[in-house]
Protein backbone atom coordinates (compact mmCIF):
# COMPACT_ATOMS: atom_id res chain seq x y z
CA ASP A 1 0.06 -0.12 0.00
CA ARG A 2 1.68 3.35 -1.14
CA LEU A 3 -0.24 5.30 1.43
CA TYR A 4 1.03 3.10 4.17
CA ASP A 5 4.59 3.41 2.86
CA GLU A 6 4.17 7.28 2.95
CA ALA A 7 2.82 7.00 6.46
CA VAL A 8 5.88 4.87 7.81
CA ALA A 9 8.16 7.55 5.99
CA PHE A 10 6.25 10.44 7.88
CA ILE A 11 6.17 8.96 11.14
CA THR A 12 10.17 7.88 11.01
CA GLU A 13 10.57 11.39 9.79
CA THR A 14 8.81 13.44 12.27
CA ARG A 15 9.37 10.90 15.12
CA ARG A 16 5.57 11.02 15.96
CA ALA A 17 3.75 7.97 15.97
CA SER A 18 -0.06 9.11 16.71
CA ILE A 19 -3.27 8.07 15.05
CA SER A 20 -4.51 11.82 14.84
CA SER A 21 -1.04 12.81 13.24
CA VAL A 22 -1.29 10.37 10.50
CA GLN A 23 -5.09 11.33 10.12
CA ARG A 24 -4.29 14.94 9.52
CA LYS A 25 -1.30 14.55 7.41
CA PHE A 26 -3.11 12.11 4.87
CA LYS A 27 -6.57 13.36 5.37
CA ILE A 28 -7.93 9.84 6.09
CA GLY A 29 -10.44 8.72 8.83
CA TYR A 30 -9.60 7.30 12.17
CA ASN A 31 -10.13 3.67 11.42
CA ARG A 32 -7.74 3.60 8.42
CA ALA A 33 -5.36 5.56 10.45
CA ALA A 34 -5.52 3.26 13.31
CA ARG A 35 -5.02 0.18 11.20
CA MET A 36 -1.95 1.75 9.81
CA ILE A 37 -0.47 2.42 13.34
CA GLU A 38 -1.35 -1.10 14.41
CA SER A 39 0.31 -2.57 11.34
CA MET A 40 3.39 -0.21 11.90
CA GLU A 41 3.36 -1.68 15.53
CA THR A 42 3.33 -5.24 14.25
CA ALA A 43 6.43 -4.37 11.75
CA GLY A 44 8.42 -3.05 14.53
CA VAL A 45 8.25 0.46 13.35
CA ILE A 46 6.71 1.60 16.65
CA THR A 47 6.27 0.44 20.05
CA PRO A 48 3.20 -0.66 21.72
CA PRO A 49 1.23 2.45 23.59
CA ALA A 50 2.63 3.11 27.02
CA HIS A 51 0.45 3.49 30.02
CA ASN A 52 -0.24 6.82 28.80
CA GLY A 53 -1.13 6.11 25.27
CA SER A 54 2.11 7.51 23.74
CA ARG A 55 4.19 5.41 21.30
CA GLU A 56 7.90 5.53 20.57
CA VAL A 57 9.32 5.35 16.90
CA ILE A 58 12.01 2.78 16.79
CA ALA A 59 12.92 2.52 13.34
CA PRO A 60 15.52 4.83 12.12
CA PRO A 61 14.43 8.05 9.88
CA PRO A 62 14.74 7.64 6.31
CA PRO A 63 18.16 8.41 4.67
CA ARG A 64 18.33 11.88 3.33
CA ASN A 65 19.69 12.20 -0.32
C-alpha cells in the first residue's frame, strides 16, 4: 500500500507516532489511520502504546538524499 509506505516515512521522519497525526497529514479517517498504526507496531516501526497511550518510534529515520 503506497499510502502506508508514505505514512511510515512520515512517522519515522517526524518521530511522532499518533493516529491523529496520520489522520491530519493524509486526510484519512480514524479507522484507516488506526489500522496503519497497528500495522507499524506489528512491523516493529513503533512501540506498543505506553501506559499514557504514547508510542515511541523505534525505526531509524529515512536516509536523506
